[in-house]
Amino acid sequence: MFEYAGIGGLIILVLNIWAIVSIIGSGASTGSKVLWTLLVLLLPILGFIAWLIAGPRSSKAAI
């Protein structure tokens, strides 16, 4: 049981790091980047889902 909790936590950590790196690399304003980063850090699962749906995207993703 505890192994799954550890793996789940590791997956959430990796996804949150990916989200934060993407937020920092986006073309959004500095204030927007700070707010999104705080949201992802303070609410790891809900913040990640909110960022996935409505957050700023990396400038590399824009074609």
PDB file of N, CA and C in Angstrom:
ATOM      1  N   MET A   1       0.823  -1.196   0.000  1.00  0.00           N
ATOM      2  CA  MET A   1       0.000   0.000   0.000  1.00  0.00           C
ATOM      3  C   MET A   1       0.863   1.254   0.000  1.00  0.00           C
ATOM      4  N   PHE A   2       1.899   1.271   0.830  1.00  0.00           N
ATOM      5  CA  PHE A   2       2.716   2.468   0.930  1.00  0.00           C
ATOM      6  C   PHE A   2       3.565   2.693  -0.322  1.00  0.00           C
ATOM      7  N   GLU A   3       3.876   1.610  -1.035  1.00  0.00           N
ATOM      8  CA  GLU A   3       4.656   1.778  -2.257  1.00  0.00           C
ATOM      9  C   GLU A   3       3.875   2.582  -3.287  1.00  0.00           C
ATOM     10  N   TYR A   4       2.570   2.348  -3.358  1.00  0.00           N
ATOM     11  CA  TYR A   4       1.751   3.081  -4.319  1.00  0.00           C
ATOM     12  C   TYR A   4       1.645   4.553  -3.959  1.00  0.00           C
ATOM     13  N   ALA A   5       1.571   4.851  -2.663  1.00  0.00           N
ATOM     14  CA  ALA A   5       1.517   6.248  -2.234  1.00  0.00           C
ATOM     15  C   ALA A   5       2.823   6.951  -2.623  1.00  0.00           C
ATOM     16  N   GLY A   6       3.949   6.279  -2.476  1.00  0.00           N
ATOM     17  CA  GLY A   6       5.234   6.867  -2.840  1.00  0.00           C
ATOM     18  C   GLY A   6       5.353   7.088  -4.328  1.00  0.00           C
ATOM     19  N   ILE A   7       4.890   6.121  -5.100  1.00  0.00           N
ATOM     20  CA  ILE A   7       4.940   6.255  -6.566  1.00  0.00           C
ATOM     21  C   ILE A   7       3.998   7.369  -7.021  1.00  0.00           C
ATOM     22  N   GLY A   8       2.812   7.428  -6.422  1.00  0.00           N
ATOM     23  CA  GLY A   8       1.860   8.492  -6.773  1.00  0.00           C
ATOM     24  C   GLY A   8       2.414   9.863  -6.448  1.00  0.00           C
ATOM     25  N   GLY A   9       3.060   9.992  -5.306  1.00  0.00           N
ATOM     26  CA  GLY A   9       3.674  11.265  -4.929  1.00  0.00           C
ATOM     27  C   GLY A   9       4.790  11.651  -5.876  1.00  0.00           C
ATOM     28  N   LEU A  10       5.572  10.674  -6.296  1.00  0.00           N
ATOM     29  CA  LEU A  10       6.660  10.940  -7.236  1.00  0.00           C
ATOM     30  C   LEU A  10       6.115  11.400  -8.584  1.00  0.00           C
ATOM     31  N   ILE A  11       5.030  10.775  -9.029  1.00  0.00           N
ATOM     32  CA  ILE A  11       4.409  11.172 -10.304  1.00  0.00           C
ATOM     33  C   ILE A  11       3.888  12.595 -10.217  1.00  0.00           C
ATOM     34  N   ILE A  12       3.227  12.943  -9.107  1.00  0.00           N
ATOM     35  CA  ILE A  12       2.722  14.305  -8.916  1.00  0.00           C
ATOM     36  C   ILE A  12       3.878  15.301  -8.899  1.00  0.00           C
ATOM     37  N   LEU A  13       4.967  14.952  -8.235  1.00  0.00           N
ATOM     38  CA  LEU A  13       6.138  15.831  -8.184  1.00  0.00           C
ATOM     39  C   LEU A  13       6.693  16.083  -9.582  1.00  0.00           C
ATOM     40  N   VAL A  14       6.843  15.033 -10.368  1.00  0.00           N
ATOM     41  CA  VAL A  14       7.375  15.174 -11.728  1.00  0.00           C
ATOM     42  C   VAL A  14       6.450  16.028 -12.584  1.00  0.00           C
ATOM     43  N   LEU A  15       5.143  15.788 -12.488  1.00  0.00           N
ATOM     44  CA  LEU A  15       4.184  16.581 -13.270  1.00  0.00           C
ATOM     45  C   LEU A  15       4.201  18.045 -12.853  1.00  0.00           C
ATOM     46  N   ASN A  16       4.326  18.312 -11.549  1.00  0.00           N
ATOM     47  CA  ASN A  16       4.376  19.694 -11.087  1.00  0.00           C
ATOM     48  C   ASN A  16       5.655  20.396 -11.533  1.00  0.00           C
ATOM     49  N   ILE A  17       6.772  19.692 -11.522  1.00  0.00           N
ATOM     50  CA  ILE A  17       8.021  20.284 -12.013  1.00  0.00           C
ATOM     51  C   ILE A  17       7.891  20.609 -13.497  1.00  0.00           C
ATOM     52  N   TRP A  18       7.292  19.693 -14.259  1.00  0.00           N
ATOM     53  CA  TRP A  18       7.069  19.942 -15.685  1.00  0.00           C
ATOM     54  C   TRP A  18       6.182  21.169 -15.886  1.00  0.00           C
ATOM     55  N   ALA A  19       5.125  21.296 -15.088  1.00  0.00           N
ATOM     56  CA  ALA A  19       4.225  22.444 -15.194  1.00  0.00           C
ATOM     57  C   ALA A  19       4.960  23.741 -14.874  1.00  0.00           C
ATOM     58  N   ILE A  20       5.763  23.745 -13.818  1.00  0.00           N
ATOM     59  CA  ILE A  20       6.480  24.969 -13.422  1.00  0.00           C
ATOM     60  C   ILE A  20       7.498  25.372 -14.479  1.00  0.00           C
ATOM     61  N   VAL A  21       8.209  24.409 -15.026  1.00  0.00           N
ATOM     62  CA  VAL A  21       9.176  24.723 -16.094  1.00  0.00           C
ATOM     63  C   VAL A  21       8.441  25.300 -17.308  1.00  0.00           C
ATOM     64  N   SER A  22       7.299  24.746 -17.640  1.00  0.00           N
ATOM     65  CA  SER A  22       6.517  25.244 -18.754  1.00  0.00           C
ATOM     66  C   SER A  22       5.973  26.645 -18.475  1.00  0.00           C
ATOM     67  N   ILE A  23       5.545  26.879 -17.246  1.00  0.00           N
ATOM     68  CA  ILE A  23       5.043  28.209 -16.870  1.00  0.00           C
ATOM     69  C   ILE A  23       6.151  29.241 -17.001  1.00  0.00           C
ATOM     70  N   ILE A  24       7.324  28.925 -16.487  1.00  0.00           N
ATOM     71  CA  ILE A  24       8.444  29.873 -16.537  1.00  0.00           C
ATOM     72  C   ILE A  24       8.861  30.136 -17.982  1.00  0.00           C
ATOM     73  N   GLY A  25       8.770  29.136 -18.851  1.00  0.00           N
ATOM     74  CA  GLY A  25       9.156  29.304 -20.252  1.00  0.00           C
ATOM     75  C   GLY A  25       8.076  29.915 -21.121  1.00  0.00           C
ATOM     76  N   SER A  26       6.913  30.197 -20.549  1.00  0.00           N
ATOM     77  CA  SER A  26       5.819  30.743 -21.346  1.00  0.00           C
ATOM     78  C   SER A  26       6.016  32.235 -21.603  1.00  0.00           C
ATOM     79  N   GLY A  27       5.219  32.765 -22.476  1.00  0.00           N
ATOM     80  CA  GLY A  27       5.293  34.185 -22.802  1.00  0.00           C
ATOM     81  C   GLY A  27       4.373  35.032 -21.945  1.00  0.00           C
ATOM     82  N   ALA A  28       3.843  34.483 -20.867  1.00  0.00           N
ATOM     83  CA  ALA A  28       2.931  35.212 -19.989  1.00  0.00           C
ATOM     84  C   ALA A  28       3.685  36.294 -19.213  1.00  0.00           C
ATOM     85  N   SER A  29       2.939  37.220 -18.632  1.00  0.00           N
ATOM     86  CA  SER A  29       3.559  38.277 -17.832  1.00  0.00           C
ATOM     87  C   SER A  29       4.170  37.686 -16.570  1.00  0.00           C
ATOM     88  N   THR A  30       5.066  38.436 -15.959  1.00  0.00           N
ATOM     89  CA  THR A  30       5.739  37.965 -14.752  1.00  0.00           C
ATOM     90  C   THR A  30       4.745  37.704 -13.634  1.00  0.00           C
ATOM     91  N   GLY A  31       3.777  38.588 -13.456  1.00  0.00           N
ATOM     92  CA  GLY A  31       2.774  38.408 -12.420  1.00  0.00           C
ATOM     93  C   GLY A  31       1.967  37.142 -12.632  1.00  0.00           C
ATOM     94  N   SER A  32       1.604  36.880 -13.874  1.00  0.00           N
ATOM     95  CA  SER A  32       0.851  35.674 -14.202  1.00  0.00           C
ATOM     96  C   SER A  32       1.682  34.425 -13.931  1.00  0.00           C
ATOM     97  N   LYS A  33       2.953  34.468 -14.270  1.00  0.00           N
ATOM     98  CA  LYS A  33       3.842  33.326 -14.009  1.00  0.00           C
ATOM     99  C   LYS A  33       3.937  33.049 -12.516  1.00  0.00           C
ATOM    100  N   VAL A  34       4.066  34.108 -11.716  1.00  0.00           N
ATOM    101  CA  VAL A  34       4.178  33.943 -10.263  1.00  0.00           C
ATOM    102  C   VAL A  34       2.898  33.331  -9.702  1.00  0.00           C
ATOM    103  N   LEU A  35       1.739  33.831 -10.138  1.00  0.00           N
ATOM    104  CA  LEU A  35       0.467  33.304  -9.637  1.00  0.00           C
ATOM    105  C   LEU A  35       0.262  31.844 -10.012  1.00  0.00           C
ATOM    106  N   TRP A  36       0.553  31.485 -11.250  1.00  0.00           N
ATOM    107  CA  TRP A  36       0.400  30.086 -11.675  1.00  0.00           C
ATOM    108  C   TRP A  36       1.368  29.181 -10.925  1.00  0.00           C
ATOM    109  N   THR A  37       2.604  29.648 -10.729  1.00  0.00           N
ATOM    110  CA  THR A  37       3.588  28.846 -10.008  1.00  0.00           C
ATOM    111  C   THR A  37       3.146  28.624  -8.557  1.00  0.00           C
ATOM    112  N   LEU A  38       2.653  29.670  -7.908  1.00  0.00           N
ATOM    113  CA  LEU A  38       2.162  29.528  -6.538  1.00  0.00           C
ATOM    114  C   LEU A  38       0.974  28.573  -6.472  1.00  0.00           C
ATOM    115  N   LEU A  39       0.088  28.662  -7.451  1.00  0.00           N
ATOM    116  CA  LEU A  39      -1.069  27.771  -7.474  1.00  0.00           C
ATOM    117  C   LEU A  39      -0.625  26.313  -7.579  1.00  0.00           C
ATOM    118  N   VAL A  40       0.327  26.040  -8.450  1.00  0.00           N
ATOM    119  CA  VAL A  40       0.817  24.665  -8.623  1.00  0.00           C
ATOM    120  C   VAL A  40       1.558  24.192  -7.370  1.00  0.00           C
ATOM    121  N   LEU A  41       2.300  25.085  -6.720  1.00  0.00           N
ATOM    122  CA  LEU A  41       3.044  24.689  -5.518  1.00  0.00           C
ATOM    123  C   LEU A  41       2.133  24.488  -4.309  1.00  0.00           C
ATOM    124  N   LEU A  42       1.136  25.357  -4.138  1.00  0.00           N
ATOM    125  CA  LEU A  42       0.284  25.286  -2.954  1.00  0.00           C
ATOM    126  C   LEU A  42      -0.807  24.226  -3.065  1.00  0.00           C
ATOM    127  N   LEU A  43      -1.300  23.993  -4.266  1.00  0.00           N
ATOM    128  CA  LEU A  43      -2.330  22.978  -4.508  1.00  0.00           C
ATOM    129  C   LEU A  43      -1.821  22.045  -5.600  1.00  0.00           C
ATOM    130  N   PRO A  44      -0.962  21.091  -5.260  1.00  0.00           N
ATOM    131  CA  PRO A  44      -0.265  20.306  -6.285  1.00  0.00           C
ATOM    132  C   PRO A  44      -1.182  19.630  -7.310  1.00  0.00           C
ATOM    133  N   ILE A  45      -2.220  18.954  -6.877  1.00  0.00           N
ATOM    134  CA  ILE A  45      -3.058  18.219  -7.832  1.00  0.00           C
ATOM    135  C   ILE A  45      -4.037  19.163  -8.523  1.00  0.00           C
ATOM    136  N   LEU A  46      -4.775  19.944  -7.729  1.00  0.00           N
ATOM    137  CA  LEU A  46      -5.746  20.868  -8.325  1.00  0.00           C
ATOM    138  C   LEU A  46      -5.057  21.958  -9.145  1.00  0.00           C
ATOM    139  N   GLY A  47      -3.914  22.443  -8.656  1.00  0.00           N
ATOM    140  CA  GLY A  47      -3.162  23.461  -9.392  1.00  0.00           C
ATOM    141  C   GLY A  47      -2.664  22.941 -10.724  1.00  0.00           C
ATOM    142  N   PHE A  48      -2.197  21.683 -10.734  1.00  0.00           N
ATOM    143  CA  PHE A  48      -1.729  21.096 -11.989  1.00  0.00           C
ATOM    144  C   PHE A  48      -2.879  20.942 -12.976  1.00  0.00           C
ATOM    145  N   ILE A  49      -4.027  20.465 -12.500  1.00  0.00           N
ATOM    146  CA  ILE A  49      -5.187  20.289 -13.381  1.00  0.00           C
ATOM    147  C   ILE A  49      -5.648  21.639 -13.930  1.00  0.00           C
ATOM    148  N   ALA A  50      -5.690  22.659 -13.062  1.00  0.00           N
ATOM    149  CA  ALA A  50      -6.089  24.000 -13.515  1.00  0.00           C
ATOM    150  C   ALA A  50      -5.109  24.526 -14.556  1.00  0.00           C
ATOM    151  N   TRP A  51      -3.809  24.330 -14.315  1.00  0.00           N
ATOM    152  CA  TRP A  51      -2.810  24.782 -15.283  1.00  0.00           C
ATOM    153  C   TRP A  51      -2.962  24.021 -16.602  1.00  0.00           C
ATOM    154  N   LEU A  52      -3.224  22.729 -16.513  1.00  0.00           N
ATOM    155  CA  LEU A  52      -3.365  21.910 -17.715  1.00  0.00           C
ATOM    156  C   LEU A  52      -4.520  22.403 -18.582  1.00  0.00           C
ATOM    157  N   ILE A  53      -5.598  22.849 -17.936  1.00  0.00           N
ATOM    158  CA  ILE A  53      -6.784  23.301 -18.663  1.00  0.00           C
ATOM    159  C   ILE A  53      -6.653  24.751 -19.135  1.00  0.00           C
ATOM    160  N   ALA A  54      -6.166  25.638 -18.256  1.00  0.00           N
ATOM    161  CA  ALA A  54      -6.240  27.068 -18.573  1.00  0.00           C
ATOM    162  C   ALA A  54      -4.930  27.830 -18.448  1.00  0.00           C
ATOM    163  N   GLY A  55      -3.850  27.159 -18.103  1.00  0.00           N
ATOM    164  CA  GLY A  55      -2.601  27.864 -17.834  1.00  0.00           C
ATOM    165  C   GLY A  55      -1.854  28.309 -19.077  1.00  0.00           C
ATOM    166  N   PRO A  56      -0.854  29.170 -18.867  1.00  0.00           N
ATOM    167  CA  PRO A  56      -0.031  29.634 -19.991  1.00  0.00           C
ATOM    168  C   PRO A  56       0.810  28.493 -20.550  1.00  0.00           C
ATOM    169  N   ARG A  57       0.983  28.481 -21.827  1.00  0.00           N
ATOM    170  CA  ARG A  57       1.745  27.423 -22.487  1.00  0.00           C
ATOM    171  C   ARG A  57       3.154  27.907 -22.808  1.00  0.00           C
ATOM    172  N   SER A  58       4.034  26.965 -22.959  1.00  0.00           N
ATOM    173  CA  SER A  58       5.410  27.247 -23.326  1.00  0.00           C
ATOM    174  C   SER A  58       5.460  27.944 -24.679  1.00  0.00           C
ATOM    175  N   SER A  59       6.403  28.838 -24.850  1.00  0.00           N
ATOM    176  CA  SER A  59       6.531  29.548 -26.112  1.00  0.00           C
ATOM    177  C   SER A  59       6.919  28.609 -27.245  1.00  0.00           C
ATOM    178  N   LYS A  60       7.503  27.446 -26.932  1.00  0.00           N
ATOM    179  CA  LYS A  60       7.858  26.462 -27.944  1.00  0.00           C
ATOM    180  C   LYS A  60       6.627  25.796 -28.542  1.00  0.00           C
ATOM    181  N   ALA A  61       5.544  25.721 -27.761  1.00  0.00           N
ATOM    182  CA  ALA A  61       4.331  25.052 -28.221  1.00  0.00           C
ATOM    183  C   ALA A  61       3.584  25.869 -29.277  1.00  0.00           C
ATOM    184  N   ALA A  62       3.796  27.169 -29.260  1.00  0.00           N
ATOM    185  CA  ALA A  62       3.107  28.039 -30.216  1.00  0.00           C
ATOM    186  C   ALA A  62       3.754  27.900 -31.595  1.00  0.00           C
ATOM    187  N   ILE A  63       2.945  27.612 -32.578  1.00  0.00           N
ATOM    188  CA  ILE A  63       3.475  27.447 -33.944  1.00  0.00           C
ATOM    189  C   ILE A  63       3.086  28.645 -34.782  1.00  0.00           C
TER     190      ILE A  63
END
